[in-house]
């Protein structure tokens, strides 16, 4: 029979809490995006292209999402004129996704809501505590990626 090490047991507890945390983050994101008729999933796609256009596959890879789900979201956002597709000089079939003027306006409004919300949630927590948590998440993320490759 195999048993957890103390670190393995603590990591398992962290995983379970991360799942709960992710659910709460998605619910909070849905509340923040609702006035703009969006969702957390749509916000993720918009956030991925806020700094510049990417292909659907690049968005999916960067965000850890399924390409098909990103494609469905992008097509929906295009119908609403929040994003548009443009030719990709590096790939004939994989068009680039970028924000329209309406999309930039939506992201500006969302950004302001997110700032107010994150300031409220982080109140009473030191930047050092948050930085330590971020460093640990990044460390485990790199280990998970290395494990996936091996």
N, C-alpha and C. Protein backbone atom coordinates (compact mmCIF):
# COMPACT_ATOMS: atom_id res chain seq x y z
N UNK A 1 0.84 -1.18 0.00
CA UNK A 1 0.00 0.00 0.00
C UNK A 1 0.89 1.25 0.00
N UNK A 2 0.49 2.24 -0.76
CA UNK A 2 1.25 3.49 -0.87
C UNK A 2 0.57 4.54 0.01
N UNK A 3 1.39 5.31 0.73
CA UNK A 3 0.88 6.38 1.57
C UNK A 3 1.49 7.70 1.16
N UNK A 4 0.76 8.80 1.39
CA UNK A 4 1.28 10.13 1.14
C UNK A 4 2.45 10.43 2.09
N UNK A 5 3.43 11.15 1.57
CA UNK A 5 4.39 11.79 2.45
C UNK A 5 3.66 12.98 3.07
N UNK A 6 4.24 13.61 4.06
CA UNK A 6 3.60 14.80 4.64
C UNK A 6 3.45 15.88 3.57
N UNK A 7 4.48 16.04 2.72
CA UNK A 7 4.39 17.03 1.63
C UNK A 7 3.33 16.64 0.62
N UNK A 8 3.26 15.34 0.29
CA UNK A 8 2.24 14.87 -0.65
C UNK A 8 0.84 15.08 -0.13
N UNK A 9 0.66 14.86 1.16
CA UNK A 9 -0.65 15.07 1.79
C UNK A 9 -1.01 16.56 1.78
N UNK A 10 -0.03 17.41 2.09
CA UNK A 10 -0.27 18.86 2.08
C UNK A 10 -0.57 19.35 0.66
N UNK A 11 0.14 18.78 -0.32
CA UNK A 11 -0.09 19.15 -1.72
C UNK A 11 -1.50 18.75 -2.16
N UNK A 12 -1.94 17.57 -1.74
CA UNK A 12 -3.29 17.12 -2.07
C UNK A 12 -4.34 18.06 -1.47
N UNK A 13 -4.13 18.49 -0.24
CA UNK A 13 -5.04 19.46 0.39
C UNK A 13 -5.03 20.77 -0.39
N UNK A 14 -3.85 21.18 -0.85
CA UNK A 14 -3.74 22.41 -1.66
C UNK A 14 -4.51 22.26 -2.97
N UNK A 15 -4.40 21.12 -3.61
CA UNK A 15 -5.12 20.87 -4.86
C UNK A 15 -6.63 21.01 -4.64
N UNK A 16 -7.13 20.36 -3.61
CA UNK A 16 -8.56 20.43 -3.34
C UNK A 16 -9.02 21.85 -3.06
N UNK A 17 -8.22 22.59 -2.30
CA UNK A 17 -8.56 23.99 -2.03
C UNK A 17 -8.47 24.82 -3.30
N UNK A 18 -7.50 24.50 -4.17
CA UNK A 18 -7.37 25.22 -5.45
C UNK A 18 -8.60 25.00 -6.32
N UNK A 19 -9.14 23.78 -6.32
CA UNK A 19 -10.37 23.52 -7.08
C UNK A 19 -11.52 24.37 -6.55
N UNK A 20 -11.66 24.42 -5.22
CA UNK A 20 -12.72 25.25 -4.62
C UNK A 20 -12.49 26.73 -4.94
N UNK A 21 -11.22 27.17 -4.84
CA UNK A 21 -10.85 28.55 -5.12
C UNK A 21 -11.17 28.90 -6.57
N UNK A 22 -10.84 27.99 -7.49
CA UNK A 22 -11.13 28.23 -8.90
C UNK A 22 -12.63 28.40 -9.12
N UNK A 23 -13.43 27.56 -8.48
CA UNK A 23 -14.88 27.70 -8.61
C UNK A 23 -15.37 29.04 -8.10
N UNK A 24 -14.81 29.47 -6.97
CA UNK A 24 -15.19 30.78 -6.41
C UNK A 24 -14.74 31.92 -7.32
N UNK A 25 -13.54 31.78 -7.90
CA UNK A 25 -13.05 32.82 -8.82
C UNK A 25 -13.95 32.92 -10.04
N UNK A 26 -14.33 31.78 -10.60
CA UNK A 26 -15.20 31.80 -11.77
C UNK A 26 -16.56 32.41 -11.44
N UNK A 27 -17.10 32.09 -10.27
CA UNK A 27 -18.38 32.67 -9.85
C UNK A 27 -18.24 34.19 -9.66
N UNK A 28 -17.13 34.61 -9.05
CA UNK A 28 -16.90 36.05 -8.87
C UNK A 28 -16.73 36.73 -10.22
N UNK A 29 -16.01 36.08 -11.12
CA UNK A 29 -15.84 36.64 -12.47
C UNK A 29 -17.16 36.76 -13.19
N UNK A 30 -18.02 35.76 -13.02
CA UNK A 30 -19.34 35.84 -13.65
C UNK A 30 -20.15 37.01 -13.09
N UNK A 31 -20.03 37.26 -11.78
CA UNK A 31 -20.74 38.41 -11.19
C UNK A 31 -20.18 39.73 -11.73
N UNK A 32 -18.85 39.81 -11.87
CA UNK A 32 -18.24 41.04 -12.38
C UNK A 32 -18.59 41.30 -13.84
N UNK A 33 -18.71 40.23 -14.61
CA UNK A 33 -18.94 40.39 -16.05
C UNK A 33 -20.42 40.47 -16.43
N UNK A 34 -21.29 40.07 -15.53
CA UNK A 34 -22.73 40.02 -15.84
C UNK A 34 -23.29 41.36 -16.34
N UNK A 35 -22.95 42.50 -15.72
CA UNK A 35 -23.50 43.77 -16.22
C UNK A 35 -23.10 44.07 -17.67
N UNK A 36 -22.02 43.44 -18.14
CA UNK A 36 -21.57 43.66 -19.52
C UNK A 36 -21.99 42.51 -20.44
N UNK A 37 -22.87 41.65 -19.93
CA UNK A 37 -23.40 40.51 -20.69
C UNK A 37 -22.27 39.57 -21.14
N UNK A 38 -21.34 39.33 -20.22
CA UNK A 38 -20.23 38.41 -20.48
C UNK A 38 -20.25 37.30 -19.44
N UNK A 39 -19.20 36.50 -19.45
CA UNK A 39 -18.99 35.44 -18.46
C UNK A 39 -17.49 35.36 -18.19
N UNK A 40 -17.13 34.60 -17.18
CA UNK A 40 -15.70 34.43 -16.89
C UNK A 40 -14.97 33.83 -18.10
N UNK A 41 -15.60 32.87 -18.75
CA UNK A 41 -14.97 32.22 -19.90
C UNK A 41 -14.72 33.23 -21.03
N UNK A 42 -15.69 34.07 -21.29
CA UNK A 42 -15.52 35.08 -22.34
C UNK A 42 -14.46 36.10 -21.92
N UNK A 43 -14.43 36.44 -20.64
CA UNK A 43 -13.44 37.39 -20.12
C UNK A 43 -12.04 36.82 -20.30
N UNK A 44 -11.88 35.52 -20.06
CA UNK A 44 -10.57 34.90 -20.24
C UNK A 44 -10.08 35.07 -21.66
N UNK A 45 -10.95 34.85 -22.62
CA UNK A 45 -10.57 34.97 -24.03
C UNK A 45 -10.23 36.42 -24.35
N UNK A 46 -11.06 37.35 -23.89
CA UNK A 46 -10.79 38.77 -24.14
C UNK A 46 -9.48 39.20 -23.48
N UNK A 47 -9.25 38.75 -22.27
CA UNK A 47 -8.03 39.10 -21.56
C UNK A 47 -6.79 38.57 -22.25
N UNK A 48 -6.91 37.43 -22.91
CA UNK A 48 -5.77 36.84 -23.61
C UNK A 48 -5.31 37.70 -24.79
N UNK A 49 -6.24 38.44 -25.39
CA UNK A 49 -5.88 39.24 -26.57
C UNK A 49 -5.83 40.74 -26.27
N UNK A 50 -5.93 41.09 -25.01
CA UNK A 50 -5.94 42.51 -24.65
C UNK A 50 -4.65 43.21 -25.08
N UNK A 51 -3.54 42.53 -24.99
CA UNK A 51 -2.25 43.15 -25.34
C UNK A 51 -1.87 42.98 -26.80
N UNK A 52 -2.65 42.19 -27.51
CA UNK A 52 -2.35 42.00 -28.93
C UNK A 52 -3.03 40.76 -29.47
N UNK A 53 -3.19 40.70 -30.80
CA UNK A 53 -3.91 39.60 -31.41
C UNK A 53 -3.16 38.27 -31.30
N UNK A 54 -3.96 37.21 -31.17
CA UNK A 54 -3.44 35.84 -31.13
C UNK A 54 -4.40 34.96 -31.91
N UNK A 55 -3.94 33.80 -32.33
CA UNK A 55 -4.83 32.82 -32.95
C UNK A 55 -5.62 32.12 -31.85
N UNK A 56 -6.70 31.46 -32.24
CA UNK A 56 -7.51 30.71 -31.28
C UNK A 56 -6.64 29.66 -30.58
N UNK A 57 -5.80 28.97 -31.34
CA UNK A 57 -4.93 27.94 -30.75
C UNK A 57 -3.98 28.55 -29.72
N UNK A 58 -3.43 29.71 -30.02
CA UNK A 58 -2.52 30.39 -29.07
C UNK A 58 -3.27 30.78 -27.80
N UNK A 59 -4.47 31.31 -27.95
CA UNK A 59 -5.28 31.69 -26.79
C UNK A 59 -5.52 30.45 -25.92
N UNK A 60 -5.94 29.36 -26.55
CA UNK A 60 -6.23 28.13 -25.82
C UNK A 60 -4.99 27.63 -25.09
N UNK A 61 -3.87 27.60 -25.77
CA UNK A 61 -2.62 27.13 -25.16
C UNK A 61 -2.21 28.01 -23.99
N UNK A 62 -2.24 29.33 -24.18
CA UNK A 62 -1.83 30.27 -23.13
C UNK A 62 -2.72 30.20 -21.90
N UNK A 63 -4.01 29.95 -22.11
CA UNK A 63 -4.97 29.97 -21.01
C UNK A 63 -5.27 28.57 -20.46
N UNK A 64 -4.70 27.53 -21.08
CA UNK A 64 -4.95 26.17 -20.63
C UNK A 64 -6.38 25.73 -20.89
N UNK A 65 -6.93 26.16 -22.01
CA UNK A 65 -8.31 25.85 -22.37
C UNK A 65 -8.33 24.97 -23.62
N UNK A 66 -9.46 24.33 -23.88
CA UNK A 66 -9.63 23.53 -25.09
C UNK A 66 -9.81 24.48 -26.28
N UNK A 67 -9.12 24.17 -27.38
CA UNK A 67 -9.20 25.01 -28.57
C UNK A 67 -10.64 25.15 -29.06
N UNK A 68 -11.39 24.06 -29.02
CA UNK A 68 -12.78 24.10 -29.51
C UNK A 68 -13.64 25.04 -28.69
N UNK A 69 -13.44 25.06 -27.38
CA UNK A 69 -14.26 25.95 -26.55
C UNK A 69 -13.88 27.40 -26.80
N UNK A 70 -12.58 27.67 -27.00
CA UNK A 70 -12.15 29.03 -27.32
C UNK A 70 -12.73 29.44 -28.67
N UNK A 71 -12.76 28.53 -29.63
CA UNK A 71 -13.32 28.84 -30.95
C UNK A 71 -14.80 29.21 -30.84
N UNK A 72 -15.57 28.44 -30.06
CA UNK A 72 -17.00 28.74 -29.88
C UNK A 72 -17.19 30.12 -29.24
N UNK A 73 -16.39 30.42 -28.21
CA UNK A 73 -16.49 31.71 -27.54
C UNK A 73 -16.12 32.83 -28.49
N UNK A 74 -15.02 32.65 -29.23
CA UNK A 74 -14.57 33.68 -30.17
C UNK A 74 -15.63 33.93 -31.24
N UNK A 75 -16.21 32.87 -31.78
CA UNK A 75 -17.25 33.05 -32.80
C UNK A 75 -18.44 33.82 -32.24
N UNK A 76 -18.81 33.53 -31.01
CA UNK A 76 -19.91 34.25 -30.36
C UNK A 76 -19.56 35.72 -30.15
N UNK A 77 -18.33 35.97 -29.69
CA UNK A 77 -17.89 37.35 -29.47
C UNK A 77 -17.80 38.12 -30.79
N UNK A 78 -17.45 37.42 -31.86
CA UNK A 78 -17.39 38.09 -33.17
C UNK A 78 -18.80 38.51 -33.60
N UNK A 79 -19.78 37.64 -33.40
CA UNK A 79 -21.17 37.99 -33.77
C UNK A 79 -21.65 39.22 -33.04
N UNK A 80 -21.13 39.40 -31.81
CA UNK A 80 -21.51 40.56 -31.00
C UNK A 80 -20.59 41.76 -31.24
N UNK A 81 -19.67 41.61 -32.17
CA UNK A 81 -18.72 42.66 -32.58
C UNK A 81 -17.79 43.11 -31.44
N UNK A 82 -17.48 42.17 -30.54
CA UNK A 82 -16.55 42.45 -29.45
C UNK A 82 -15.13 42.13 -29.90
N UNK A 83 -15.01 41.11 -30.76
CA UNK A 83 -13.72 40.77 -31.38
C UNK A 83 -13.94 40.67 -32.88
N UNK A 84 -12.83 40.64 -33.59
CA UNK A 84 -12.90 40.35 -35.02
C UNK A 84 -11.69 39.52 -35.41
N UNK A 85 -11.84 38.82 -36.52
CA UNK A 85 -10.75 38.01 -37.05
C UNK A 85 -10.03 38.79 -38.14
N UNK A 86 -8.73 38.57 -38.25
CA UNK A 86 -7.96 39.18 -39.31
C UNK A 86 -6.97 38.14 -39.84
N UNK A 87 -6.47 38.35 -41.05
CA UNK A 87 -5.51 37.40 -41.60
C UNK A 87 -4.26 37.28 -40.72
N UNK A 88 -3.73 36.08 -40.67
CA UNK A 88 -2.52 35.80 -39.91
C UNK A 88 -1.37 35.62 -40.89
N UNK A 89 -0.38 36.51 -40.87
CA UNK A 89 0.72 36.40 -41.83
C UNK A 89 1.55 35.12 -41.63
N UNK A 90 1.44 34.49 -40.46
CA UNK A 90 2.23 33.29 -40.17
C UNK A 90 1.48 31.99 -40.47
N UNK A 91 0.18 32.08 -40.73
CA UNK A 91 -0.61 30.87 -40.93
C UNK A 91 -1.86 31.22 -41.73
N UNK A 92 -2.02 30.61 -42.90
CA UNK A 92 -3.14 30.96 -43.77
C UNK A 92 -4.51 30.69 -43.14
N UNK A 93 -4.66 29.55 -42.45
CA UNK A 93 -5.99 29.17 -41.95
C UNK A 93 -6.26 29.65 -40.54
N UNK A 94 -5.23 29.86 -39.74
CA UNK A 94 -5.43 30.25 -38.33
C UNK A 94 -5.47 31.77 -38.23
N UNK A 95 -6.66 32.32 -38.33
CA UNK A 95 -6.79 33.78 -38.28
C UNK A 95 -6.44 34.31 -36.89
N UNK A 96 -6.11 35.59 -36.86
CA UNK A 96 -5.82 36.25 -35.58
C UNK A 96 -7.10 36.84 -35.00
N UNK A 97 -7.20 36.78 -33.70
CA UNK A 97 -8.36 37.31 -32.98
C UNK A 97 -7.91 38.60 -32.31
N UNK A 98 -8.64 39.68 -32.51
CA UNK A 98 -8.30 40.92 -31.82
C UNK A 98 -9.54 41.68 -31.42
N UNK A 99 -9.36 42.55 -30.42
CA UNK A 99 -10.46 43.34 -29.89
C UNK A 99 -10.91 44.39 -30.90
N UNK A 100 -12.21 44.62 -30.95
CA UNK A 100 -12.75 45.74 -31.71
C UNK A 100 -12.77 46.95 -30.77
N UNK A 101 -13.23 48.06 -31.26
CA UNK A 101 -13.39 49.24 -30.40
C UNK A 101 -14.36 48.92 -29.26
N UNK A 102 -15.44 48.22 -29.60
CA UNK A 102 -16.41 47.81 -28.57
C UNK A 102 -15.72 46.89 -27.55
N UNK A 103 -14.89 46.00 -28.02
CA UNK A 103 -14.17 45.09 -27.12
C UNK A 103 -13.22 45.82 -26.20
N UNK A 104 -12.53 46.82 -26.72
CA UNK A 104 -11.62 47.62 -25.88
C UNK A 104 -12.41 48.38 -24.81
N UNK A 105 -13.58 48.87 -25.18
CA UNK A 105 -14.43 49.58 -24.22
C UNK A 105 -14.91 48.63 -23.13
N UNK A 106 -15.32 47.44 -23.51
CA UNK A 106 -15.76 46.42 -22.54
C UNK A 106 -14.61 46.10 -21.59
N UNK A 107 -13.40 45.89 -22.13
CA UNK A 107 -12.26 45.53 -21.29
C UNK A 107 -11.87 46.68 -20.36
N UNK A 108 -12.04 47.91 -20.80
CA UNK A 108 -11.75 49.05 -19.93
C UNK A 108 -12.72 49.07 -18.74
N UNK A 109 -14.00 48.88 -19.02
CA UNK A 109 -15.00 48.85 -17.95
C UNK A 109 -14.75 47.67 -17.00
N UNK A 110 -14.46 46.51 -17.57
CA UNK A 110 -14.18 45.33 -16.76
C UNK A 110 -12.93 45.55 -15.91
N UNK A 111 -11.93 46.19 -16.48
CA UNK A 111 -10.70 46.46 -15.75
C UNK A 111 -10.96 47.31 -14.52
N UNK A 112 -11.81 48.30 -14.64
CA UNK A 112 -12.13 49.15 -13.50
C UNK A 112 -12.87 48.36 -12.42
N UNK A 113 -13.80 47.52 -12.84
CA UNK A 113 -14.53 46.68 -11.88
C UNK A 113 -13.57 45.71 -11.19
N UNK A 114 -12.65 45.13 -11.96
CA UNK A 114 -11.70 44.16 -11.41
C UNK A 114 -10.77 44.83 -10.40
N UNK A 115 -10.36 46.05 -10.67
CA UNK A 115 -9.48 46.77 -9.73
C UNK A 115 -10.19 46.99 -8.40
N UNK A 116 -11.42 47.46 -8.46
CA UNK A 116 -12.19 47.67 -7.22
C UNK A 116 -12.36 46.35 -6.46
N UNK A 117 -12.73 45.31 -7.19
CA UNK A 117 -12.95 44.00 -6.58
C UNK A 117 -11.66 43.43 -5.98
N UNK A 118 -10.56 43.45 -6.73
CA UNK A 118 -9.31 42.86 -6.22
C UNK A 118 -8.78 43.65 -5.03
N UNK A 119 -8.93 44.95 -5.05
CA UNK A 119 -8.52 45.75 -3.88
C UNK A 119 -9.34 45.36 -2.65
N UNK A 120 -10.64 45.13 -2.84
CA UNK A 120 -11.51 44.75 -1.73
C UNK A 120 -11.14 43.36 -1.20
N UNK A 121 -10.92 42.40 -2.09
CA UNK A 121 -10.60 41.03 -1.68
C UNK A 121 -9.22 40.96 -1.03
N UNK A 122 -8.26 41.72 -1.53
CA UNK A 122 -6.88 41.67 -1.01
C UNK A 122 -6.67 42.51 0.24
N UNK A 123 -7.65 43.31 0.62
CA UNK A 123 -7.50 44.19 1.79
C UNK A 123 -7.11 43.36 3.01
N UNK A 124 -6.14 43.84 3.75
CA UNK A 124 -5.69 43.17 4.96
C UNK A 124 -4.68 42.07 4.72
N UNK A 125 -4.30 41.85 3.48
CA UNK A 125 -3.28 40.87 3.14
C UNK A 125 -2.06 41.62 2.61
N UNK A 126 -0.88 41.27 3.09
CA UNK A 126 0.31 41.98 2.65
C UNK A 126 0.71 41.53 1.24
N UNK A 127 1.32 42.44 0.46
CA UNK A 127 1.83 42.03 -0.85
C UNK A 127 2.81 40.86 -0.74
N UNK A 128 3.57 40.80 0.34
CA UNK A 128 4.51 39.69 0.53
C UNK A 128 3.82 38.35 0.63
N UNK A 129 2.70 38.32 1.36
CA UNK A 129 1.94 37.07 1.48
C UNK A 129 1.41 36.63 0.10
N UNK A 130 0.91 37.58 -0.64
CA UNK A 130 0.37 37.27 -1.96
C UNK A 130 1.50 36.84 -2.89
N UNK A 131 2.64 37.52 -2.84
CA UNK A 131 3.79 37.15 -3.67
C UNK A 131 4.27 35.74 -3.35
N UNK A 132 4.27 35.37 -2.07
CA UNK A 132 4.69 34.02 -1.68
C UNK A 132 3.74 32.97 -2.24
N UNK A 133 2.44 33.24 -2.17
CA UNK A 133 1.45 32.31 -2.72
C UNK A 133 1.62 32.19 -4.23
N UNK A 134 1.84 33.32 -4.90
CA UNK A 134 2.04 33.33 -6.34
C UNK A 134 3.29 32.52 -6.71
N UNK A 135 4.36 32.70 -5.97
CA UNK A 135 5.60 31.97 -6.25
C UNK A 135 5.38 30.46 -6.11
N UNK A 136 4.62 30.06 -5.10
CA UNK A 136 4.36 28.63 -4.91
C UNK A 136 3.52 28.08 -6.05
N UNK A 137 2.51 28.81 -6.45
CA UNK A 137 1.66 28.35 -7.55
C UNK A 137 2.50 28.22 -8.83
N UNK A 138 3.36 29.18 -9.09
CA UNK A 138 4.21 29.11 -10.28
C UNK A 138 5.17 27.93 -10.20
N UNK A 139 5.73 27.69 -9.03
CA UNK A 139 6.66 26.58 -8.83
C UNK A 139 5.96 25.25 -9.13
N UNK A 140 4.76 25.05 -8.55
CA UNK A 140 4.03 23.82 -8.80
C UNK A 140 3.58 23.74 -10.26
N UNK A 141 3.24 24.87 -10.86
CA UNK A 141 2.87 24.88 -12.27
C UNK A 141 4.00 24.39 -13.16
N UNK A 142 5.21 24.84 -12.87
CA UNK A 142 6.37 24.39 -13.64
C UNK A 142 6.61 22.89 -13.45
N UNK A 143 6.44 22.43 -12.22
CA UNK A 143 6.62 20.99 -11.95
C UNK A 143 5.55 20.17 -12.67
N UNK A 144 4.32 20.65 -12.68
CA UNK A 144 3.26 19.95 -13.38
C UNK A 144 3.54 19.89 -14.88
N UNK A 145 4.03 20.98 -15.43
CA UNK A 145 4.37 21.01 -16.86
C UNK A 145 5.50 20.04 -17.17
N UNK A 146 6.53 20.02 -16.31
CA UNK A 146 7.65 19.09 -16.49
C UNK A 146 7.16 17.64 -16.38
N UNK A 147 6.27 17.38 -15.43
CA UNK A 147 5.72 16.04 -15.25
C UNK A 147 4.91 15.62 -16.47
N UNK A 148 4.16 16.54 -17.04
CA UNK A 148 3.36 16.26 -18.23
C UNK A 148 4.26 15.87 -19.39
N UNK A 149 5.39 16.52 -19.52
CA UNK A 149 6.30 16.27 -20.63
C UNK A 149 7.06 14.95 -20.49
N UNK A 150 7.22 14.47 -19.24
CA UNK A 150 8.02 13.25 -19.05
C UNK A 150 7.18 11.99 -19.14
